[in-house]
Amino acid sequence: MKLQGEFKFLGIEKRQGFKDPSQTFYVVGFAQGLDSLRCYVNAEDYGRYSVLEPYSDVAVELDYNPVSGKVALLDIT
């Protein structure tokens, strides 16, 4: 199920894996009111979204899977 919303872009960061430090994970953070959301993205999206200014207003398209309860980031505009 695709959803769209207006969020504050909190930032993007690169993290090393806990169990396997050779793995790299990329995380994007958003806020809406008092709620926050973190989404994992790939390296290509990390490069594309790292130019966004923290705390800027963005429109976000998400894919929500009600069976698994997971939310995936589709696009930021």
Protein backbone atom coordinates (compact mmCIF):
# COMPACT_ATOMS: atom_id res chain seq x y z
CA MET A 1 0.00 0.00 0.00
CA LYS A 2 1.57 3.30 -1.10
CA LEU A 3 1.35 6.29 1.23
CA GLN A 4 2.44 9.90 0.89
CA GLY A 5 3.11 12.43 3.60
CA GLU A 6 4.82 15.65 4.58
CA PHE A 7 7.77 15.13 6.92
CA LYS A 8 10.80 16.90 8.36
CA PHE A 9 13.97 15.35 6.98
CA LEU A 10 16.12 14.64 10.03
CA GLY A 11 19.16 13.40 8.16
CA ILE A 12 20.90 10.39 6.70
CA GLU A 13 23.76 8.37 8.13
CA LYS A 14 26.00 5.46 7.34
CA ARG A 15 26.34 2.74 10.01
CA GLN A 16 28.59 -0.26 10.35
CA GLY A 17 26.94 -3.60 11.14
CA PHE A 18 26.92 -4.74 14.76
CA LYS A 19 27.50 -8.44 14.14
CA ASP A 20 29.54 -7.94 10.97
CA PRO A 21 31.45 -4.63 10.91
CA SER A 22 32.30 -5.15 7.23
CA GLN A 23 28.64 -4.54 6.33
CA THR A 24 27.42 -0.98 5.85
CA PHE A 25 23.84 0.14 6.38
CA TYR A 26 22.33 3.47 5.31
CA VAL A 27 19.51 4.99 7.39
CA VAL A 28 17.23 7.97 6.61
CA GLY A 29 15.32 9.69 9.42
CA PHE A 30 12.03 11.57 9.22
CA ALA A 31 9.78 13.29 11.77
CA GLN A 32 6.14 14.29 11.75
CA GLY A 33 4.91 15.96 14.92
CA LEU A 34 6.19 13.85 17.81
CA ASP A 35 6.56 10.69 15.72
CA SER A 36 9.73 9.62 13.97
CA LEU A 37 10.51 7.08 11.27
CA ARG A 38 13.76 5.47 10.17
CA CYS A 39 14.09 3.74 6.80
CA TYR A 40 16.99 1.73 5.46
CA VAL A 41 18.11 2.62 1.94
CA ASN A 42 20.80 1.42 -0.47
CA ALA A 43 24.11 3.14 -1.25
CA GLU A 44 22.74 4.81 -4.39
CA ASP A 45 19.88 6.42 -2.44
CA TYR A 46 22.33 7.44 0.28
CA GLY A 47 24.30 9.45 -2.27
CA ARG A 48 21.14 11.00 -3.70
CA TYR A 49 19.59 11.98 -0.35
CA SER A 50 22.77 13.09 1.45
CA VAL A 51 22.56 16.49 -0.30
CA LEU A 52 19.26 17.32 1.46
CA GLU A 53 19.48 19.82 4.29
CA PRO A 54 18.60 18.46 7.76
CA TYR A 55 15.25 19.69 9.13
CA SER A 56 13.95 20.63 5.70
CA ASP A 57 10.34 19.94 4.73
CA VAL A 58 10.02 17.04 2.28
CA ALA A 59 7.24 15.05 0.64
CA VAL A 60 7.84 11.33 1.13
CA GLU A 61 6.35 8.35 -0.66
CA LEU A 62 6.32 5.15 1.39
CA ASP A 63 5.30 1.56 0.77
CA TYR A 64 3.57 0.00 3.78
CA ASN A 65 3.13 -3.77 3.99
CA PRO A 66 0.30 -4.44 6.49
CA VAL A 67 1.12 -8.17 6.69
CA SER A 68 4.73 -7.75 7.80
CA GLY A 69 4.28 -4.28 9.30
CA LYS A 70 7.31 -2.95 7.37
CA VAL A 71 7.62 0.46 5.79
CA ALA A 72 9.91 1.01 2.78
CA LEU A 73 10.99 4.35 1.39
CA LEU A 74 10.10 4.84 -2.27
CA ASP A 75 10.96 8.47 -2.97
CA ILE A 76 11.71 11.88 -1.41
CA THR A 77 10.75 15.09 -3.20
